[in-house]
Amino acid sequence: GHYFNEKALEFEPDRAPEAARALSPREVDAMTFLAM
């Protein structure tokens, strides 16, 4: 599965979403508890 994904990335490099901006520690806490 990981080999397959690595090769797929070579063919579809533009499909990777842009990196998300970092969250603050409090934002991480809030999102984590909501996810729970």
Full PDB file with SEQRES, HELIX, SHEET, SSBOND, CRYST1, ORIGX, SCALE, CONECT and MASTER records, all heavy atoms in Angstrom:
SEQRES   1 A   36  GLY HIS TYR PHE ASN GLU LYS ALA LEU GLU PHE GLU PRO          
SEQRES   2 A   36  ASP ARG ALA PRO GLU ALA ALA ARG ALA LEU SER PRO ARG          
SEQRES   3 A   36  GLU VAL ASP ALA MET THR PHE LEU ALA MET                      
HELIX    1 AA1 HIS A    2  PHE A   11  1                                  10    
HELIX    2 AA2 PRO A   13  ARG A   15  5                                   3    
HELIX    3 AA3 PRO A   25  ALA A   35  1                                  11    
CRYST1    1.000    1.000    1.000  90.00  90.00  90.00 P 1           1          
ORIGX1      1.000000  0.000000  0.000000        0.00000                         
ORIGX2      0.000000  1.000000  0.000000        0.00000                         
ORIGX3      0.000000  0.000000  1.000000        0.00000                         
SCALE1      1.000000  0.000000  0.000000        0.00000                         
SCALE2      0.000000  1.000000  0.000000        0.00000                         
SCALE3      0.000000  0.000000  1.000000        0.00000                         
ATOM      1  N   GLY A   1       0.812  -1.212   0.000  1.00  0.00           N  
ATOM      2  CA  GLY A   1       0.000   0.000   0.000  1.00  0.00           C  
ATOM      3  C   GLY A   1       0.841   1.256   0.000  1.00  0.00           C  
ATOM      4  O   GLY A   1       0.574   2.208  -0.749  1.00  0.00           O  
ATOM      5  N   HIS A   2       1.889   1.275   0.805  1.00  0.00           N  
ATOM      6  CA  HIS A   2       2.755   2.457   0.864  1.00  0.00           C  
ATOM      7  C   HIS A   2       3.617   2.588  -0.396  1.00  0.00           C  
ATOM      8  O   HIS A   2       3.869   3.703  -0.858  1.00  0.00           O  
ATOM      9  CB  HIS A   2       3.615   2.407   2.127  1.00  0.00           C  
ATOM     10  CG  HIS A   2       2.859   2.774   3.366  1.00  0.00           C  
ATOM     11  ND1 HIS A   2       2.682   4.081   3.771  1.00  0.00           N  
ATOM     12  CD2 HIS A   2       2.191   2.008   4.266  1.00  0.00           C  
ATOM     13  CE1 HIS A   2       1.959   4.105   4.875  1.00  0.00           C  
ATOM     14  NE2 HIS A   2       1.660   2.866   5.197  1.00  0.00           N  
ATOM     15  N   TYR A   3       4.072   1.484  -0.955  1.00  0.00           N  
ATOM     16  CA  TYR A   3       4.787   1.534  -2.231  1.00  0.00           C  
ATOM     17  C   TYR A   3       3.884   2.087  -3.328  1.00  0.00           C  
ATOM     18  O   TYR A   3       4.306   2.911  -4.145  1.00  0.00           O  
ATOM     19  CB  TYR A   3       5.252   0.127  -2.629  1.00  0.00           C  
ATOM     20  CG  TYR A   3       6.670  -0.202  -2.217  1.00  0.00           C  
ATOM     21  CD1 TYR A   3       6.962  -0.695  -0.945  1.00  0.00           C  
ATOM     22  CD2 TYR A   3       7.728  -0.039  -3.107  1.00  0.00           C  
ATOM     23  CE1 TYR A   3       8.253  -1.020  -0.569  1.00  0.00           C  
ATOM     24  CE2 TYR A   3       9.027  -0.355  -2.739  1.00  0.00           C  
ATOM     25  CZ  TYR A   3       9.278  -0.836  -1.478  1.00  0.00           C  
ATOM     26  OH  TYR A   3      10.567  -1.145  -1.105  1.00  0.00           O  
ATOM     27  N   PHE A   4       2.646   1.619  -3.344  1.00  0.00           N  
ATOM     28  CA  PHE A   4       1.686   2.048  -4.357  1.00  0.00           C  
ATOM     29  C   PHE A   4       1.433   3.551  -4.240  1.00  0.00           C  
ATOM     30  O   PHE A   4       1.412   4.279  -5.237  1.00  0.00           O  
ATOM     31  CB  PHE A   4       0.370   1.284  -4.175  1.00  0.00           C  
ATOM     32  CG  PHE A   4      -0.381   1.061  -5.449  1.00  0.00           C  
ATOM     33  CD1 PHE A   4      -0.315  -0.154  -6.100  1.00  0.00           C  
ATOM     34  CD2 PHE A   4      -1.164   2.060  -6.001  1.00  0.00           C  
ATOM     35  CE1 PHE A   4      -1.014  -0.380  -7.286  1.00  0.00           C  
ATOM     36  CE2 PHE A   4      -1.860   1.856  -7.173  1.00  0.00           C  
ATOM     37  CZ  PHE A   4      -1.789   0.632  -7.821  1.00  0.00           C  
ATOM     38  N   ASN A   5       1.273   4.023  -3.008  1.00  0.00           N  
ATOM     39  CA  ASN A   5       1.023   5.449  -2.785  1.00  0.00           C  
ATOM     40  C   ASN A   5       2.227   6.291  -3.210  1.00  0.00           C  
ATOM     41  O   ASN A   5       2.074   7.356  -3.813  1.00  0.00           O  
ATOM     42  CB  ASN A   5       0.715   5.691  -1.306  1.00  0.00           C  
ATOM     43  CG  ASN A   5       0.299   7.118  -1.024  1.00  0.00           C  
ATOM     44  OD1 ASN A   5      -0.741   7.583  -1.483  1.00  0.00           O  
ATOM     45  ND2 ASN A   5       1.118   7.835  -0.268  1.00  0.00           N  
ATOM     46  N   GLU A   6       3.424   5.818  -2.911  1.00  0.00           N  
ATOM     47  CA  GLU A   6       4.637   6.547  -3.286  1.00  0.00           C  
ATOM     48  C   GLU A   6       4.728   6.721  -4.800  1.00  0.00           C  
ATOM     49  O   GLU A   6       5.080   7.792  -5.302  1.00  0.00           O  
ATOM     50  CB  GLU A   6       5.857   5.804  -2.763  1.00  0.00           C  
ATOM     51  CG  GLU A   6       7.177   6.516  -3.031  1.00  0.00           C  
ATOM     52  CD  GLU A   6       8.371   5.760  -2.469  1.00  0.00           C  
ATOM     53  OE1 GLU A   6       8.159   4.802  -1.704  1.00  0.00           O  
ATOM     54  OE2 GLU A   6       9.521   6.136  -2.805  1.00  0.00           O  
ATOM     55  N   LYS A   7       4.392   5.656  -5.527  1.00  0.00           N  
ATOM     56  CA  LYS A   7       4.438   5.744  -6.986  1.00  0.00           C  
ATOM     57  C   LYS A   7       3.324   6.648  -7.513  1.00  0.00           C  
ATOM     58  O   LYS A   7       3.534   7.448  -8.434  1.00  0.00           O  
ATOM     59  CB  LYS A   7       4.320   4.344  -7.590  1.00  0.00           C  
ATOM     60  CG  LYS A   7       4.293   4.307  -9.106  1.00  0.00           C  
ATOM     61  CD  LYS A   7       5.505   5.000  -9.732  1.00  0.00           C  
ATOM     62  CE  LYS A   7       6.798   4.296  -9.437  1.00  0.00           C  
ATOM     63  NZ  LYS A   7       7.934   4.857 -10.235  1.00  0.00           N  
ATOM     64  N   ALA A   8       2.132   6.570  -6.928  1.00  0.00           N  
ATOM     65  CA  ALA A   8       1.015   7.421  -7.354  1.00  0.00           C  
ATOM     66  C   ALA A   8       1.352   8.899  -7.165  1.00  0.00           C  
ATOM     67  O   ALA A   8       0.959   9.748  -7.969  1.00  0.00           O  
ATOM     68  CB  ALA A   8      -0.247   7.059  -6.586  1.00  0.00           C  
ATOM     69  N   LEU A   9       2.099   9.232  -6.121  1.00  0.00           N  
ATOM     70  CA  LEU A   9       2.500  10.619  -5.881  1.00  0.00           C  
ATOM     71  C   LEU A   9       3.367  11.148  -7.013  1.00  0.00           C  
ATOM     72  O   LEU A   9       3.311  12.337  -7.341  1.00  0.00           O  
ATOM     73  CB  LEU A   9       3.246  10.738  -4.552  1.00  0.00           C  
ATOM     74  CG  LEU A   9       2.399  10.718  -3.280  1.00  0.00           C  
ATOM     75  CD1 LEU A   9       3.306  10.674  -2.052  1.00  0.00           C  
ATOM     76  CD2 LEU A   9       1.488  11.920  -3.201  1.00  0.00           C  
ATOM     77  N   GLU A  10       4.159  10.274  -7.602  1.00  0.00           N  
ATOM     78  CA  GLU A  10       5.017  10.703  -8.714  1.00  0.00           C  
ATOM     79  C   GLU A  10       4.187  11.133  -9.923  1.00  0.00           C  
ATOM     80  O   GLU A  10       4.537  12.073 -10.624  1.00  0.00           O  
ATOM     81  CB  GLU A  10       5.954   9.566  -9.125  1.00  0.00           C  
ATOM     82  CG  GLU A  10       6.999   9.199  -8.088  1.00  0.00           C  
ATOM     83  CD  GLU A  10       7.904   8.089  -8.581  1.00  0.00           C  
ATOM     84  OE1 GLU A  10       7.933   7.843  -9.815  1.00  0.00           O  
ATOM     85  OE2 GLU A  10       8.571   7.449  -7.743  1.00  0.00           O  
ATOM     86  N   PHE A  11       3.070  10.433 -10.143  1.00  0.00           N  
ATOM     87  CA  PHE A  11       2.245  10.719 -11.307  1.00  0.00           C  
ATOM     88  C   PHE A  11       1.237  11.826 -11.062  1.00  0.00           C  
ATOM     89  O   PHE A  11       0.779  12.469 -11.998  1.00  0.00           O  
ATOM     90  CB  PHE A  11       1.490   9.454 -11.743  1.00  0.00           C  
ATOM     91  CG  PHE A  11       2.390   8.353 -12.204  1.00  0.00           C  
ATOM     92  CD1 PHE A  11       2.248   7.071 -11.710  1.00  0.00           C  
ATOM     93  CD2 PHE A  11       3.394   8.596 -13.128  1.00  0.00           C  
ATOM     94  CE1 PHE A  11       3.072   6.040 -12.149  1.00  0.00           C  
ATOM     95  CE2 PHE A  11       4.225   7.580 -13.563  1.00  0.00           C  
ATOM     96  CZ  PHE A  11       4.065   6.299 -13.069  1.00  0.00           C  
ATOM     97  N   GLU A  12       0.859  12.033  -9.810  1.00  0.00           N  
ATOM     98  CA  GLU A  12      -0.165  13.018  -9.492  1.00  0.00           C  
ATOM     99  C   GLU A  12       0.339  14.036  -8.464  1.00  0.00           C  
ATOM    100  O   GLU A  12      -0.261  14.245  -7.430  1.00  0.00           O  
ATOM    101  CB  GLU A  12      -1.416  12.314  -8.935  1.00  0.00           C  
ATOM    102  CG  GLU A  12      -2.043  11.343  -9.903  1.00  0.00           C  
ATOM    103  CD  GLU A  12      -2.647  12.036 -11.107  1.00  0.00           C  
ATOM    104  OE1 GLU A  12      -3.213  13.124 -10.938  1.00  0.00           O  
ATOM    105  OE2 GLU A  12      -2.541  11.495 -12.221  1.00  0.00           O  
ATOM    106  N   PRO A  13       1.462  14.696  -8.735  1.00  0.00           N  
ATOM    107  CA  PRO A  13       2.034  15.611  -7.730  1.00  0.00           C  
ATOM    108  C   PRO A  13       1.156  16.807  -7.424  1.00  0.00           C  
ATOM    109  O   PRO A  13       1.202  17.357  -6.338  1.00  0.00           O  
ATOM    110  CB  PRO A  13       3.357  16.051  -8.380  1.00  0.00           C  
ATOM    111  CG  PRO A  13       3.108  15.907  -9.856  1.00  0.00           C  
ATOM    112  CD  PRO A  13       2.246  14.689  -9.987  1.00  0.00           C  
ATOM    113  N   ASP A  14       0.333  17.241  -8.392  1.00  0.00           N  
ATOM    114  CA  ASP A  14      -0.483  18.433  -8.175  1.00  0.00           C  
ATOM    115  C   ASP A  14      -1.750  18.160  -7.387  1.00  0.00           C  
ATOM    116  O   ASP A  14      -2.484  19.080  -7.053  1.00  0.00           O  
ATOM    117  CB  ASP A  14      -0.878  19.054  -9.522  1.00  0.00           C  
ATOM    118  CG  ASP A  14       0.339  19.553 -10.284  1.00  0.00           C  
ATOM    119  OD1 ASP A  14       1.330  19.909  -9.618  1.00  0.00           O  
ATOM    120  OD2 ASP A  14       0.299  19.569 -11.527  1.00  0.00           O  
ATOM    121  N   ARG A  15      -1.997  16.883  -7.078  1.00  0.00           N  
ATOM    122  CA  ARG A  15      -3.220  16.570  -6.349  1.00  0.00           C  
ATOM    123  C   ARG A  15      -3.049  16.685  -4.840  1.00  0.00           C  
ATOM    124  O   ARG A  15      -4.016  16.604  -4.108  1.00  0.00           O  
ATOM    125  CB  ARG A  15      -3.705  15.158  -6.687  1.00  0.00           C  
ATOM    126  CG  ARG A  15      -4.264  15.056  -8.088  1.00  0.00           C  
ATOM    127  CD  ARG A  15      -4.858  13.678  -8.324  1.00  0.00           C  
ATOM    128  NE  ARG A  15      -5.389  13.572  -9.673  1.00  0.00           N  
ATOM    129  CZ  ARG A  15      -6.637  13.856 -10.008  1.00  0.00           C  
ATOM    130  NH1 ARG A  15      -7.463  14.297  -9.072  1.00  0.00           N  
ATOM    131  NH2 ARG A  15      -7.052  13.744 -11.244  1.00  0.00           N  
ATOM    132  N   ALA A  16      -1.828  16.820  -4.368  1.00  0.00           N  
ATOM    133  CA  ALA A  16      -1.624  16.935  -2.927  1.00  0.00           C  
ATOM    134  C   ALA A  16      -2.131  18.277  -2.434  1.00  0.00           C  
ATOM    135  O   ALA A  16      -1.733  19.312  -2.947  1.00  0.00           O  
ATOM    136  CB  ALA A  16      -0.131  16.800  -2.591  1.00  0.00           C  
ATOM    137  N   PRO A  17      -3.024  18.303  -1.399  1.00  0.00           N  
ATOM    138  CA  PRO A  17      -3.518  19.566  -0.887  1.00  0.00           C  
ATOM    139  C   PRO A  17      -2.398  20.392  -0.290  1.00  0.00           C  
ATOM    140  O   PRO A  17      -1.373  19.870   0.141  1.00  0.00           O  
ATOM    141  CB  PRO A  17      -4.516  19.130   0.208  1.00  0.00           C  
ATOM    142  CG  PRO A  17      -4.834  17.698  -0.099  1.00  0.00           C  
ATOM    143  CD  PRO A  17      -3.608  17.143  -0.746  1.00  0.00           C  
ATOM    144  N   GLU A  18      -2.560  21.692  -0.261  1.00  0.00           N  
ATOM    145  CA  GLU A  18      -1.559  22.563   0.341  1.00  0.00           C  
ATOM    146  C   GLU A  18      -1.472  22.301   1.842  1.00  0.00           C  
ATOM    147  O   GLU A  18      -2.439  21.932   2.488  1.00  0.00           O  
ATOM    148  CB  GLU A  18      -1.935  24.035   0.111  1.00  0.00           C  
ATOM    149  CG  GLU A  18      -1.893  24.443  -1.347  1.00  0.00           C  
ATOM    150  CD  GLU A  18      -2.235  25.903  -1.526  1.00  0.00           C  
ATOM    151  OE1 GLU A  18      -2.512  26.566  -0.485  1.00  0.00           O  
ATOM    152  OE2 GLU A  18      -2.241  26.372  -2.655  1.00  0.00           O  
ATOM    153  N   ALA A  19      -0.299  22.524   2.378  1.00  0.00           N  
ATOM    154  CA  ALA A  19      -0.099  22.301   3.801  1.00  0.00           C  
ATOM    155  C   ALA A  19      -0.955  23.266   4.623  1.00  0.00           C  
ATOM    156  O   ALA A  19      -1.103  24.432   4.271  1.00  0.00           O  
ATOM    157  CB  ALA A  19       1.379  22.491   4.156  1.00  0.00           C  
ATOM    158  N   ALA A  20      -1.554  22.735   5.679  1.00  0.00           N  
ATOM    159  CA  ALA A  20      -2.381  23.578   6.533  1.00  0.00           C  
ATOM    160  C   ALA A  20      -1.506  24.457   7.412  1.00  0.00           C  
ATOM    161  O   ALA A  20      -0.388  24.099   7.768  1.00  0.00           O  
ATOM    162  CB  ALA A  20      -3.274  22.687   7.409  1.00  0.00           C  
ATOM    163  N   ARG A  21      -2.017  25.639   7.754  1.00  0.00           N  
ATOM    164  CA  ARG A  21      -1.292  26.520   8.664  1.00  0.00           C  
ATOM    165  C   ARG A  21      -1.299  25.912  10.052  1.00  0.00           C  
ATOM    166  O   ARG A  21      -2.260  25.257  10.471  1.00  0.00           O  
ATOM    167  CB  ARG A  21      -1.959  27.900   8.672  1.00  0.00           C  
ATOM    168  CG  ARG A  21      -1.856  28.625   7.350  1.00  0.00           C  
ATOM    169  CD  ARG A  21      -2.735  29.856   7.328  1.00  0.00           C  
ATOM    170  NE  ARG A  21      -2.417  30.787   8.402  1.00  0.00           N  
ATOM    171  CZ  ARG A  21      -3.111  31.900   8.647  1.00  0.00           C  
ATOM    172  NH1 ARG A  21      -4.154  32.202   7.896  1.00  0.00           N  
ATOM    173  NH2 ARG A  21      -2.762  32.703   9.636  1.00  0.00           N  
ATOM    174  N   ALA A  22      -0.238  26.133  10.801  1.00  0.00           N  
ATOM    175  CA  ALA A  22      -0.111  25.558  12.133  1.00  0.00           C  
ATOM    176  C   ALA A  22      -1.167  26.124  13.066  1.00  0.00           C  
ATOM    177  O   ALA A  22      -1.520  27.310  13.007  1.00  0.00           O  
ATOM    178  CB  ALA A  22       1.287  25.841  12.681  1.00  0.00           C  
ATOM    179  N   LEU A  23      -1.682  25.284  13.945  1.00  0.00           N  
ATOM    180  CA  LEU A  23      -2.647  25.709  14.964  1.00  0.00           C  
ATOM    181  C   LEU A  23      -1.906  26.045  16.248  1.00  0.00           C  
ATOM    182  O   LEU A  23      -0.856  25.474  16.554  1.00  0.00           O  
ATOM    183  CB  LEU A  23      -3.667  24.603  15.227  1.00  0.00           C  
ATOM    184  CG  LEU A  23      -4.508  24.112  14.045  1.00  0.00           C  
ATOM    185  CD1 LEU A  23      -5.474  23.033  14.519  1.00  0.00           C  
ATOM    186  CD2 LEU A  23      -5.250  25.257  13.390  1.00  0.00           C  
ATOM    187  N   SER A  24      -2.469  26.970  17.013  1.00  0.00           N  
ATOM    188  CA  SER A  24      -1.895  27.300  18.314  1.00  0.00           C  
ATOM    189  C   SER A  24      -2.188  26.158  19.281  1.00  0.00           C  
ATOM    190  O   SER A  24      -3.077  25.331  19.035  1.00  0.00           O  
ATOM    191  CB  SER A  24      -2.510  28.589  18.845  1.00  0.00           C  
ATOM    192  OG  SER A  24      -3.854  28.364  19.243  1.00  0.00           O  
ATOM    193  N   PRO A  25      -1.455  26.076  20.408  1.00  0.00           N  
ATOM    194  CA  PRO A  25      -1.721  25.010  21.388  1.00  0.00           C  
ATOM    195  C   PRO A  25      -3.169  24.972  21.849  1.00  0.00           C  
ATOM    196  O   PRO A  25      -3.754  23.889  21.983  1.00  0.00           O  
ATOM    197  CB  PRO A  25      -0.769  25.352  22.539  1.00  0.00           C  
ATOM    198  CG  PRO A  25       0.376  26.053  21.876  1.00  0.00           C  
ATOM    199  CD  PRO A  25      -0.256  26.868  20.793  1.00  0.00           C  
ATOM    200  N   ARG A  26      -3.782  26.131  22.073  1.00  0.00           N  
ATOM    201  CA  ARG A  26      -5.178  26.171  22.515  1.00  0.00           C  
ATOM    202  C   ARG A  26      -6.122  25.712  21.411  1.00  0.00           C  
ATOM    203  O   ARG A  26      -7.130  25.046  21.670  1.00  0.00           O  
ATOM    204  CB  ARG A  26      -5.548  27.585  22.977  1.00  0.00           C  
ATOM    205  CG  ARG A  26      -5.159  27.904  24.412  1.00  0.00           C  
ATOM    206  CD  ARG A  26      -5.756  26.902  25.382  1.00  0.00           C  
ATOM    207  NE  ARG A  26      -5.868  27.433  26.720  1.00  0.00           N  
ATOM    208  CZ  ARG A  26      -6.216  26.711  27.784  1.00  0.00           C  
ATOM    209  NH1 ARG A  26      -6.469  25.424  27.646  1.00  0.00           N  
ATOM    210  NH2 ARG A  26      -6.317  27.271  28.981  1.00  0.00           N  
ATOM    211  N   GLU A  27      -5.797  26.061  20.174  1.00  0.00           N  
ATOM    212  CA  GLU A  27      -6.620  25.610  19.057  1.00  0.00           C  
ATOM    213  C   GLU A  27      -6.527  24.096  18.897  1.00  0.00           C  
ATOM    214  O   GLU A  27      -7.528  23.431  18.607  1.00  0.00           O  
ATOM    215  CB  GLU A  27      -6.188  26.315  17.772  1.00  0.00           C  
ATOM    216  CG  GLU A  27      -6.542  27.802  17.748  1.00  0.00           C  
ATOM    217  CD  GLU A  27      -5.798  28.581  16.678  1.00  0.00           C  
ATOM    218  OE1 GLU A  27      -4.939  27.991  15.986  1.00  0.00           O  
ATOM    219  OE2 GLU A  27      -6.076  29.786  16.540  1.00  0.00           O  
ATOM    220  N   VAL A  28      -5.333  23.550  19.098  1.00  0.00           N  
ATOM    221  CA  VAL A  28      -5.155  22.103  19.054  1.00  0.00           C  
ATOM    222  C   VAL A  28      -5.988  21.438  20.141  1.00  0.00           C  
ATOM    223  O   VAL A  28      -6.675  20.429  19.908  1.00  0.00           O  
ATOM    224  CB  VAL A  28      -3.664  21.731  19.222  1.00  0.00           C  
ATOM    225  CG1 VAL A  28      -3.512  20.216  19.441  1.00  0.00           C  
ATOM    226  CG2 VAL A  28      -2.868  22.165  18.003  1.00  0.00           C  
ATOM    227  N   ASP A  29      -5.949  21.994  21.361  1.00  0.00           N  
ATOM    228  CA  ASP A  29      -6.733  21.440  22.461  1.00  0.00           C  
ATOM    229  C   ASP A  29      -8.218  21.440  22.122  1.00  0.00           C  
ATOM    230  O   ASP A  29      -8.918  20.438  22.319  1.00  0.00           O  
ATOM    231  CB  ASP A  29      -6.506  22.255  23.741  1.00  0.00           C  
ATOM    232  CG  ASP A  29      -5.114  22.074  24.324  1.00  0.00           C  
ATOM    233  OD1 ASP A  29      -4.460  21.061  23.980  1.00  0.00           O  
ATOM    234  OD2 ASP A  29      -4.691  22.937  25.115  1.00  0.00           O  
ATOM    235  N   ALA A  30      -8.698  22.572  21.623  1.00  0.00           N  
ATOM    236  CA  ALA A  30     -10.123  22.694  21.298  1.00  0.00           C  
ATOM    237  C   ALA A  30     -10.535  21.690  20.231  1.00  0.00           C  
ATOM    238  O   ALA A  30     -11.539  20.976  20.373  1.00  0.00           O  
ATOM    239  CB  ALA A  30     -10.440  24.119  20.837  1.00  0.00           C  
ATOM    240  N   MET A  31      -9.761  21.596  19.149  1.00  0.00           N  
ATOM    241  CA  MET A  31     -10.084  20.667  18.069  1.00  0.00           C  
ATOM    242  C   MET A  31     -10.013  19.207  18.541  1.00  0.00           C  
ATOM    243  O   MET A  31     -10.828  18.375  18.148  1.00  0.00           O  
ATOM    244  CB  MET A  31      -9.118  20.863  16.898  1.00  0.00           C  
ATOM    245  CG  MET A  31      -9.288  22.144  16.119  1.00  0.00           C  
ATOM    246  SD  MET A  31     -10.822  22.210  15.142  1.00  0.00           S  
ATOM    247  CE  MET A  31     -11.800  23.281  16.200  1.00  0.00           C  
ATOM    248  N   THR A  32      -9.047  18.906  19.404  1.00  0.00           N  
ATOM    249  CA  THR A  32      -8.890  17.537  19.887  1.00  0.00           C  
ATOM    250  C   THR A  32     -10.095  17.105  20.708  1.00  0.00           C  
ATOM    251  O   THR A  32     -10.647  16.011  20.506  1.00  0.00           O  
ATOM    252  CB  THR A  32      -7.612  17.404  20.734  1.00  0.00           C  
ATOM    253  OG1 THR A  32      -6.478  17.736  19.937  1.00  0.00           O  
ATOM    254  CG2 THR A  32      -7.453  15.983  21.254  1.00  0.00           C  
ATOM    255  N   PHE A  33     -10.523  17.953  21.641  1.00  0.00           N  
ATOM    256  CA  PHE A  33     -11.674  17.591  22.481  1.00  0.00           C  
ATOM    257  C   PHE A  33     -12.953  17.493  21.656  1.00  0.00           C  
ATOM    258  O   PHE A  33     -13.795  16.624  21.897  1.00  0.00           O  
ATOM    259  CB  PHE A  33     -11.843  18.589  23.621  1.00  0.00           C  
ATOM    260  CG  PHE A  33     -10.839  18.409  24.731  1.00  0.00           C  
ATOM    261  CD1 PHE A  33      -9.979  19.426  25.092  1.00  0.00           C  
ATOM    262  CD2 PHE A  33     -10.740  17.199  25.416  1.00  0.00           C  
ATOM    263  CE1 PHE A  33      -9.043  19.265  26.107  1.00  0.00           C  
ATOM    264  CE2 PHE A  33      -9.812  17.013  26.427  1.00  0.00           C  
ATOM    265  CZ  PHE A  33      -8.959  18.049  26.773  1.00  0.00           C  
ATOM    266  N   LEU A  34     -13.113  18.366  20.670  1.00  0.00           N  
ATOM    267  CA  LEU A  34     -14.282  18.276  19.796  1.00  0.00           C  
ATOM    268  C   LEU A  34     -14.257  16.971  19.008  1.00  0.00           C  
ATOM    269  O   LEU A  34     -15.295  16.326  18.814  1.00  0.00           O  
ATOM    270  CB  LEU A  34     -14.328  19.474  18.844  1.00  0.00           C  
ATOM    271  CG  LEU A  34     -14.675  20.830  19.475  1.00  0.00           C  
ATOM    272  CD1 LEU A  34     -14.481  21.942  18.448  1.00  0.00           C  
ATOM    273  CD2 LEU A  34     -16.110  20.837  20.003  1.00  0.00           C  
ATOM    274  N   ALA A  35     -13.069  16.581  18.540  1.00  0.00           N  
ATOM    275  CA  ALA A  35     -12.932  15.327  17.801  1.00  0.00           C  
ATOM    276  C   ALA A  35     -13.253  14.125  18.685  1.00  0.00           C  
ATOM    277  O   ALA A  35     -13.696  13.078  18.191  1.00  0.00           O  
ATOM    278  CB  ALA A  35     -11.517  15.199  17.238  1.00  0.00           C  
ATOM    279  N   MET A  36     -13.046  14.268  19.984  1.00  0.00           N  
ATOM    280  CA  MET A  36     -13.338  13.186  20.925  1.00  0.00           C  
ATOM    281  C   MET A  36     -14.823  13.109  21.272  1.00  0.00           C  
ATOM    282  O   MET A  36     -15.254  12.211  21.997  1.00  0.00           O  
ATOM    283  CB  MET A  36     -12.517  13.392  22.202  1.00  0.00           C  
ATOM    284  CG  MET A  36     -11.024  13.184  22.008  1.00  0.00           C  
ATOM    285  SD  MET A  36     -10.040  13.726  23.430  1.00  0.00           S  
ATOM    286  CE  MET A  36     -10.636  12.604  24.705  1.00  0.00           C  
TER     287      MET A  36                                                      
MASTER        0    0    0    3    0    0    0    6  286    1    0    3          
END                                                                             
